[in-house]
Protein backbone atom coordinates (compact mmCIF):
# COMPACT_ATOMS: atom_id res chain seq x y z
CA UNK A 1 -13.75 -3.45 26.50
CA UNK A 2 -10.81 -2.64 28.86
CA UNK A 3 -8.17 -1.98 26.23
CA UNK A 4 -10.49 0.48 24.51
CA UNK A 5 -10.54 2.49 27.72
CA UNK A 6 -6.74 2.53 27.83
CA UNK A 7 -6.51 3.78 24.27
CA UNK A 8 -9.09 6.47 25.00
CA UNK A 9 -6.73 7.63 27.76
CA UNK A 10 -3.79 7.52 25.35
CA UNK A 11 -5.65 9.28 22.52
CA UNK A 12 -4.22 12.80 23.12
CA UNK A 13 -0.68 11.42 23.25
CA UNK A 14 -1.05 9.23 20.16
CA UNK A 15 -2.73 12.10 18.30
CA UNK A 16 0.27 14.27 19.10
CA UNK A 17 2.59 11.62 17.65
CA UNK A 18 0.45 11.35 14.54
CA UNK A 19 0.35 15.09 13.90
CA UNK A 20 4.10 15.39 14.36
CA UNK A 21 4.58 12.70 11.71
CA UNK A 22 2.06 14.49 9.51
CA UNK A 23 4.06 17.72 9.66
CA UNK A 24 7.26 15.93 8.69
CA UNK A 25 6.46 13.61 5.77
CA UNK A 26 9.18 11.55 4.09
CA UNK A 27 9.10 9.60 0.83
CA UNK A 28 9.91 6.00 -0.06
CA UNK A 29 13.07 4.75 1.70
CA UNK A 30 14.01 8.23 2.91
CA UNK A 31 12.08 7.83 6.19
CA UNK A 32 15.09 8.64 8.36
CA UNK A 33 13.35 11.01 10.78
CA UNK A 34 10.22 8.86 10.98
CA UNK A 35 12.23 5.71 11.65
CA UNK A 36 14.26 7.49 14.33
CA UNK A 37 11.08 8.71 16.07
CA UNK A 38 9.62 5.20 15.96
CA UNK A 39 12.78 3.58 17.32
CA UNK A 40 13.07 6.14 20.13
CA UNK A 41 9.51 5.51 21.25
CA UNK A 42 9.81 1.72 21.08
CA UNK A 43 12.88 1.89 23.31
CA UNK A 44 11.06 4.20 25.71
CA UNK A 45 8.15 1.76 25.86
CA UNK A 46 10.54 -0.97 27.01
CA UNK A 47 10.47 -3.21 23.96
CA UNK A 48 12.77 -6.19 24.45
CA UNK A 49 14.53 -5.57 21.16
CA UNK A 50 14.57 -2.62 18.72
CA UNK A 51 16.38 -3.01 15.39
CA UNK A 52 16.82 -0.19 12.88
CA UNK A 53 18.22 0.02 9.35
CA UNK A 54 16.08 -2.76 7.89
CA UNK A 55 15.22 -1.97 4.27
CA UNK A 56 17.40 1.13 4.82
CA UNK A 57 15.12 2.96 7.27
CA UNK A 58 12.66 0.37 8.55
CA UNK A 59 12.31 -0.48 12.23
CA UNK A 60 11.37 -3.69 14.03
CA UNK A 61 10.41 -3.94 17.69
CA UNK A 62 10.08 -7.18 19.67
CA UNK A 63 7.78 -7.50 22.69
CA UNK A 64 7.73 -10.73 24.68
CA UNK A 65 4.68 -11.73 26.70
CA UNK A 66 4.53 -12.72 30.35
CA UNK A 67 4.89 -16.30 29.19
CA UNK A 68 6.20 -17.94 26.05
CA UNK A 69 5.09 -21.52 26.57
CA UNK A 70 3.67 -21.91 23.09
CA UNK A 71 6.38 -20.06 21.23
CA UNK A 72 3.90 -18.35 18.89
CA UNK A 73 5.15 -15.23 17.11
CA UNK A 74 2.65 -12.75 15.65
CA UNK A 75 3.77 -9.76 13.57
CA UNK A 76 1.95 -6.46 13.11
CA UNK A 77 2.96 -4.14 10.27
CA UNK A 78 2.47 -0.42 9.58
CA UNK A 79 3.80 1.66 6.68
CA UNK A 80 5.61 4.96 7.28
CA UNK A 81 6.11 6.80 3.96
CA UNK A 82 4.22 9.75 2.51
CA UNK A 83 3.43 10.89 -1.05
CA UNK A 84 4.85 13.54 -3.43
CA UNK A 85 1.72 15.71 -3.21
CA UNK A 86 1.34 19.36 -2.20
CA UNK A 87 -0.99 19.44 0.80
CA UNK A 88 -4.17 21.52 0.54
CA UNK A 89 -5.86 20.87 3.88
CA UNK A 90 -5.15 24.21 5.58
CA UNK A 91 -4.62 22.37 8.89
CA UNK A 92 -2.62 23.87 11.74
CA UNK A 93 -0.41 20.78 11.58
CA UNK A 94 -0.17 20.60 7.77
CA UNK A 95 2.99 19.37 6.11
CA UNK A 96 6.00 21.61 6.60
CA UNK A 97 7.77 20.02 3.61
CA UNK A 98 6.88 21.49 0.18
CA UNK A 99 5.59 18.90 -2.27
CA UNK A 100 5.24 16.12 0.30
CA UNK A 101 2.29 15.07 2.44
CA UNK A 102 0.78 12.12 4.26
CA UNK A 103 -2.05 11.75 1.76
CA UNK A 104 -2.66 8.07 2.49
CA UNK A 105 -2.76 8.03 6.28
CA UNK A 106 0.50 6.21 6.90
CA UNK A 107 1.10 8.72 9.68
CA UNK A 108 -2.06 7.32 11.30
CA UNK A 109 -1.00 3.71 10.72
CA UNK A 110 2.40 4.34 12.31
CA UNK A 111 0.89 6.19 15.28
CA UNK A 112 -1.72 3.47 15.89
CA UNK A 113 0.87 0.70 15.84
CA UNK A 114 3.05 2.73 18.21
CA UNK A 115 0.04 3.06 20.52
CA UNK A 116 -0.54 -0.68 20.40
CA UNK A 117 3.17 -1.31 21.07
CA UNK A 118 3.03 0.96 24.13
CA UNK A 119 0.01 -0.90 25.49
CA UNK A 120 1.44 -4.35 24.77
CA UNK A 121 4.74 -3.38 26.40
CA UNK A 122 2.84 -2.20 29.49
CA UNK A 123 0.53 -5.18 29.88
CA UNK A 124 2.30 -8.14 28.21
CA UNK A 125 -0.96 -10.01 28.67
CA UNK A 126 -0.17 -12.65 26.06
CA UNK A 127 1.70 -15.93 25.76
CA UNK A 128 4.27 -15.53 22.97
CA UNK A 129 6.11 -12.81 21.09
CA UNK A 130 4.88 -9.76 19.16
CA UNK A 131 6.99 -8.33 16.34
CA UNK A 132 5.99 -4.79 15.32
CA UNK A 133 7.20 -3.88 11.83
CA UNK A 134 7.44 -0.27 10.64
CA UNK A 135 8.01 -0.35 6.90
CA UNK A 136 9.30 2.33 4.52
CA UNK A 137 8.49 2.67 0.82
CA UNK A 138 5.00 1.22 0.49
CA UNK A 139 4.04 3.90 -2.03
CA UNK A 140 5.70 2.35 -5.06
CA UNK A 141 9.10 1.49 -3.62
CA UNK A 142 8.35 -2.07 -2.60
CA UNK A 143 9.66 -1.73 0.93
CA UNK A 144 7.74 -4.85 1.93
CA UNK A 145 9.59 -6.85 -0.71
CA UNK A 146 12.93 -5.56 0.56
CA UNK A 147 12.09 -6.38 4.17
CA UNK A 148 11.09 -9.92 3.19
CA UNK A 149 14.22 -10.32 1.04
CA UNK A 150 16.32 -9.24 4.04
CA UNK A 151 14.81 -12.13 5.97
CA UNK A 152 12.94 -10.40 8.80
CA UNK A 153 10.23 -13.07 8.91
CA UNK A 154 12.82 -15.82 9.33
CA UNK A 155 14.99 -13.76 11.69
CA UNK A 156 12.19 -13.47 14.25
CA UNK A 157 10.43 -16.73 13.33
CA UNK A 158 7.20 -14.93 12.44
CA UNK A 159 4.30 -17.38 12.12
CA UNK A 160 1.49 -15.04 11.08
CA UNK A 161 1.17 -11.35 10.22
CA UNK A 162 -1.55 -8.69 10.24
CA UNK A 163 -1.87 -5.28 8.58
CA UNK A 164 -4.36 -2.42 8.53
CA UNK A 165 -5.30 0.54 6.33
CA UNK A 166 -7.63 3.42 7.04
CA UNK A 167 -10.46 3.78 4.52
CA UNK A 168 -12.47 6.91 3.68
CA UNK A 169 -16.15 6.12 3.20
CA UNK A 170 -16.29 3.64 6.07
CA UNK A 171 -17.66 5.00 9.34
CA UNK A 172 -14.96 5.87 11.88
CA UNK A 173 -14.41 2.95 14.23
CA UNK A 174 -15.90 0.31 11.92
CA UNK A 175 -13.94 -2.39 10.12
CA UNK A 176 -14.21 -4.26 6.82
CA UNK A 177 -12.36 -7.30 5.49
CA UNK A 178 -12.59 -10.08 2.91
CA UNK A 179 -10.98 -13.49 2.41
CA UNK A 180 -8.82 -14.24 -0.62
CA UNK A 181 -7.79 -11.69 -3.27
CA UNK A 182 -8.36 -8.22 -1.83
CA UNK A 183 -5.97 -5.68 -3.42
CA UNK A 184 -4.84 -6.01 -7.04
CA UNK A 185 -1.51 -6.79 -8.63
CA UNK A 186 -0.14 -3.49 -9.92
CA UNK A 187 2.01 -3.87 -13.04
CA UNK A 188 3.63 -1.04 -14.97
CA UNK A 189 4.36 -0.66 -18.67
CA UNK A 190 6.26 1.63 -21.01
CA UNK A 191 5.64 1.60 -24.77
CA UNK A 192 7.91 3.60 -27.06
CA UNK A 193 6.44 4.18 -30.52
CA UNK A 194 9.07 4.92 -33.16
CA UNK A 195 7.75 6.43 -36.37
CA UNK A 196 9.14 8.92 -38.87
CA UNK A 197 9.08 12.56 -37.91
CA UNK A 198 8.53 15.43 -40.28
CA UNK A 199 6.72 18.63 -41.12
CA UNK A 200 3.11 18.82 -39.97
CA UNK A 201 2.16 20.22 -43.41
CA UNK A 202 3.45 17.04 -45.07
CA UNK A 203 1.96 14.15 -43.07
CA UNK A 204 2.18 11.84 -46.11
CA UNK A 205 5.96 11.96 -45.83
CA UNK A 206 5.91 10.85 -42.20
CA UNK A 207 4.80 7.98 -40.01
CA UNK A 208 2.94 9.94 -37.35
CA UNK A 209 3.79 8.50 -33.95
CA UNK A 210 0.97 10.47 -32.35
CA UNK A 211 -1.61 8.70 -34.51
CA UNK A 212 -0.01 5.33 -33.82
CA UNK A 213 0.00 6.00 -30.07
CA UNK A 214 -3.66 7.01 -30.19
CA UNK A 215 -4.59 3.75 -31.94
CA UNK A 216 -2.52 1.73 -29.47
CA UNK A 217 -4.23 3.48 -26.54
CA UNK A 218 -7.68 2.58 -27.87
CA UNK A 219 -6.70 -0.94 -28.90
CA UNK A 220 -5.35 -1.72 -25.44
CA UNK A 221 -8.84 -1.21 -24.03
CA UNK A 222 -9.95 -4.36 -25.87
CA UNK A 223 -7.87 -6.39 -23.42
CA UNK A 224 -10.57 -5.72 -20.84
CA UNK A 225 -13.59 -5.51 -23.13
CA UNK A 226 -12.86 -8.35 -25.56
CA UNK A 227 -10.11 -10.59 -24.16
CA UNK A 228 -10.53 -11.02 -20.41
CA UNK A 229 -13.52 -13.04 -19.17
CA UNK A 230 -16.19 -10.49 -18.16
CA UNK A 231 -16.54 -12.03 -14.70
CA UNK A 232 -12.83 -11.39 -13.98
CA UNK A 233 -11.34 -8.05 -12.90
CA UNK A 234 -8.83 -6.21 -15.04
CA UNK A 235 -7.90 -2.55 -15.55
CA UNK A 236 -5.61 -1.31 -18.32
CA UNK A 237 -4.85 2.42 -18.17
CA UNK A 238 -2.56 4.54 -20.33
CA UNK A 239 -1.61 7.33 -17.94
CA UNK A 240 0.91 9.44 -19.88
CA UNK A 241 1.95 10.19 -23.46
CA UNK A 242 5.21 12.07 -24.02
CA UNK A 243 6.04 13.25 -27.53
CA UNK A 244 9.57 13.88 -28.77
CA UNK A 245 8.25 17.09 -30.33
CA UNK A 246 6.67 20.05 -28.55
CA UNK A 247 6.28 22.23 -31.65
CA UNK A 248 3.05 23.21 -33.40
CA UNK A 249 4.37 22.30 -36.83
CA UNK A 250 6.37 19.11 -36.21
CA UNK A 251 5.11 15.54 -36.25
CA UNK A 252 7.16 13.58 -33.70
CA UNK A 253 9.62 10.83 -34.40
CA UNK A 254 8.83 9.17 -31.11
CA UNK A 255 6.04 8.91 -28.50
CA UNK A 256 6.55 7.35 -25.08
CA UNK A 257 3.50 5.86 -23.39
CA UNK A 258 3.23 4.95 -19.70
CA UNK A 259 0.52 3.00 -17.95
CA UNK A 260 -0.61 0.39 -15.47
CA UNK A 261 -2.36 -2.98 -15.50
CA UNK A 262 -4.38 -4.15 -12.47
CA UNK A 263 -5.50 -7.76 -12.05
CA UNK A 264 -6.63 -10.10 -9.27
CA UNK A 265 -5.28 -13.46 -10.40
CA UNK A 266 -2.15 -14.73 -12.12
CA UNK A 267 -3.90 -16.18 -15.19
CA UNK A 268 -5.45 -12.83 -16.07
CA UNK A 269 -2.16 -11.11 -15.26
CA UNK A 270 -0.32 -13.37 -17.73
CA UNK A 271 -3.00 -12.85 -20.38
CA UNK A 272 -2.98 -9.06 -20.02
CA UNK A 273 0.80 -8.88 -20.36
CA UNK A 274 0.81 -11.10 -23.44
CA UNK A 275 -1.98 -9.18 -25.17
CA UNK A 276 -0.46 -5.78 -24.34
CA UNK A 277 2.76 -6.78 -26.06
CA UNK A 278 0.98 -8.23 -29.09
CA UNK A 279 -1.42 -5.30 -29.53
CA UNK A 280 1.21 -2.58 -29.13
CA UNK A 281 3.68 -4.16 -31.53
CA UNK A 282 1.07 -5.29 -34.05
CA UNK A 283 -0.74 -1.94 -34.15
CA UNK A 284 2.52 -0.06 -34.63
CA UNK A 285 3.57 -2.43 -37.41
CA UNK A 286 0.27 -1.89 -39.20
CA UNK A 287 1.15 1.81 -39.52
CA UNK A 288 4.75 1.17 -40.52
CA UNK A 289 6.08 2.09 -37.07
CA UNK A 290 7.68 0.01 -34.33
CA UNK A 291 6.82 -0.40 -30.66
CA UNK A 292 9.23 -1.29 -27.90
CA UNK A 293 7.45 -2.60 -24.78
CA UNK A 294 8.84 -2.80 -21.26
CA UNK A 295 6.48 -4.57 -18.86
CA UNK A 296 7.33 -4.57 -15.14
CA UNK A 297 5.56 -6.85 -12.69
CA UNK A 298 5.26 -4.69 -9.60
CA UNK A 299 3.23 -5.59 -6.49
CA UNK A 300 1.53 -9.00 -6.60
CA UNK A 301 -2.10 -9.64 -5.71
CA UNK A 302 -2.66 -9.18 -1.99
CA UNK A 303 -4.74 -12.14 -0.82
CA UNK A 304 -5.93 -12.68 2.75
CA UNK A 305 -5.61 -16.17 4.21
CA UNK A 306 -8.91 -17.71 5.27
CA UNK A 307 -8.20 -18.68 8.89
CA UNK A 308 -6.35 -15.44 9.66
CA UNK A 309 -9.12 -13.38 8.07
CA UNK A 310 -11.47 -15.03 10.55
CA UNK A 311 -9.16 -14.13 13.43
CA UNK A 312 -8.91 -10.52 12.21
CA UNK A 313 -12.69 -10.23 11.82
CA UNK A 314 -13.30 -11.69 15.27
CA UNK A 315 -10.95 -9.09 16.77
CA UNK A 316 -12.78 -6.35 14.86
CA UNK A 317 -16.14 -7.54 16.17
CA UNK A 318 -14.76 -7.47 19.71
CA UNK A 319 -13.70 -3.84 19.21
CA UNK A 320 -16.54 -2.47 17.08
CA UNK A 321 -19.41 -4.92 17.58
CA UNK A 322 -19.41 -5.95 13.91
CA UNK A 323 -17.15 -6.33 10.87
CA UNK A 324 -18.34 -5.55 7.35
CA UNK A 325 -17.57 -7.32 4.08
CA UNK A 326 -14.98 -5.28 2.18
CA UNK A 327 -15.15 -4.78 -1.60
CA UNK A 328 -12.46 -5.86 -4.04
CA UNK A 329 -9.95 -3.03 -4.45
CA UNK A 330 -7.99 -2.49 -7.67
CA UNK A 331 -5.35 -0.44 -5.89
CA UNK A 332 -2.13 -2.14 -4.87
CA UNK A 333 -0.64 -2.88 -1.44
CA UNK A 334 2.83 -4.26 -0.85
CA UNK A 335 1.70 -6.06 2.29
CA UNK A 336 1.17 -8.70 -0.41
CA UNK A 337 4.86 -9.64 -0.13
CA UNK A 338 4.40 -10.54 3.54
CA UNK A 339 1.23 -12.53 2.83
CA UNK A 340 3.04 -14.47 0.10
CA UNK A 341 5.47 -15.73 2.76
CA UNK A 342 3.31 -16.09 5.87
CA UNK A 343 -0.38 -16.61 6.65
CA UNK A 344 -2.08 -13.40 7.68
CA UNK A 345 -4.75 -10.84 6.93
CA UNK A 346 -5.24 -7.18 6.11
CA UNK A 347 -8.20 -5.13 7.34
CA UNK A 348 -9.74 -1.71 6.66
CA UNK A 349 -10.60 0.68 9.49
CA UNK A 350 -13.04 3.51 8.83
CA UNK A 351 -11.78 7.06 8.27
CA UNK A 352 -15.24 8.58 7.89
CA UNK A 353 -16.49 11.05 5.29
CA UNK A 354 -13.12 12.45 4.24
CA UNK A 355 -11.35 13.16 0.98
CA UNK A 356 -10.08 10.04 -0.75
CA UNK A 357 -6.58 8.77 -0.12
CA UNK A 358 -3.94 10.28 -2.45
CA UNK A 359 -5.97 13.52 -2.61
CA UNK A 360 -4.33 16.81 -1.51
CA UNK A 361 -7.25 17.49 0.87
CA UNK A 362 -7.08 14.07 2.56
CA UNK A 363 -6.43 13.82 6.31
CA UNK A 364 -6.37 10.87 8.69
CA UNK A 365 -9.18 11.09 11.27
CA UNK A 366 -7.66 10.91 14.75
CA UNK A 367 -10.96 9.62 16.14
CA UNK A 368 -10.11 6.30 14.46
CA UNK A 369 -7.04 5.85 16.69
CA UNK A 370 -8.69 4.03 19.65
CA UNK A 371 -10.36 1.50 17.36
CA UNK A 372 -7.22 0.86 15.33
CA UNK A 373 -4.99 0.47 18.38
CA UNK A 374 -7.56 -1.75 20.07
CA UNK A 375 -7.73 -4.01 17.02
CA UNK A 376 -3.96 -4.51 17.00
CA UNK A 377 -3.99 -5.40 20.70
CA UNK A 378 -7.05 -7.62 20.42
CA UNK A 379 -5.47 -9.63 17.59
CA UNK A 380 -2.43 -10.31 19.77
CA UNK A 381 -4.37 -11.24 22.89
CA UNK A 382 -6.74 -13.50 20.96
CA UNK A 383 -4.00 -15.25 18.97
CA UNK A 384 -1.74 -15.68 22.01
CA UNK A 385 -4.01 -15.78 25.05
CA UNK A 386 -2.27 -15.67 28.41
CA UNK A 387 -2.57 -18.83 30.46
C-alpha cells in the first residue's frame, strides 16, 4: 500500500517526535508545551488553518483536499495528556518530569496523528476537509466534553469523527473494533459515614464508622451480584477508605469512602446509582450512623456508530489485511462526548506484548506508528475519495 511506504520513510522522524513528547509529559489541561509543539508542526506542514487555546491547551488543524466538491468534513482526534505516575522503564528517553509519565500512550497517539497530518498536507489526495483534533485532559479531566461544549464540531461543520487507542496484548500493526457500546460509562462516588467516635477500649459507647464502612463496602457488591441482570455488565469498586482517626486506640467519628461504577447502558447506570444511594444510607442507618452520598456521572458510555465502524474496519483491513473483533472494555474514554454529537468510530491498534496501560513500566511501541498513521490516512481517503 503506497501510504504505508511513505510512513515507513517517516518512521524515524515520527519516532523522534514521539520520544520528545514522552520525555516531557504534561497532565490534564496543562499541556502547554505539547500543544505548542503540535501547533508548530501543523503550521510547518502547511495546514490551511491552525487554532490553539481550545479547551485551554487543545489544538485544531484544518487540511483541505485538492477538491471540495462534496463538502464532506471528517475529523480525526488524538489525546495529548499523560498520567501522574513515576516512570519505571529505564529508557534513554524516559520522562524527565518527576511523578509524570506517558503511561497510556497518548504520546504515540499524538505523534501518529501528526504523521498523518504531515502526509495529508503533502498529498491532499481527497475531496473534502480534514480536521485534526489534539485534545488535552482525557485522563479524567473531560477535555473532550470541554471541546464539544466550546463548539468545535459546529465551528468546522464536522460530519463524522474517528479516534484510535493503542492496546497492549494485540499484535503490533493489527487492529480491533466493535460496533455499539465499547468503553464503559465511568461514574464516581463519595460516601461519608458519620458515626460516634470514642475510645477503642469502649466500643459499646461508640458507633464505629469503620465497621459501618466495611458493611457498606460488602453490601455494595450486591448491586452486581444480586441487582443487575447477570447478562449485563456492571462494576462497583470501593477504591479508598479514609478514616478521621489514625490512632491505634481511637475509633473514628467519620470514614470517607471513594469508588467508581462502570456500566455499558443507561438503564443499568440509573439502577446502580439508585441502589448505591439506598444501600449506603440504609446500611448506615441500621448501625445508628448516617451516610452522605455524592454521585458524579463522569464519562458516558462510548458507543461506536454502525456505519462508521464499518468504514473504520475497512480502512484497517486495507492497512493490516484484517481487523479483529474487540472485546467490551470497562475502562472509560472521553471520545464518548464526540460520538454523542457526531457519527464516528474508535479503533484499537496493537501495541504488542508490553506492560498494561497505566503501569509504570508501560511504553508505546514505535513499530506501531506506520500502521496507525496509515489507518488515519486511509480513513480520510476512503471517506472522501478524490475525483
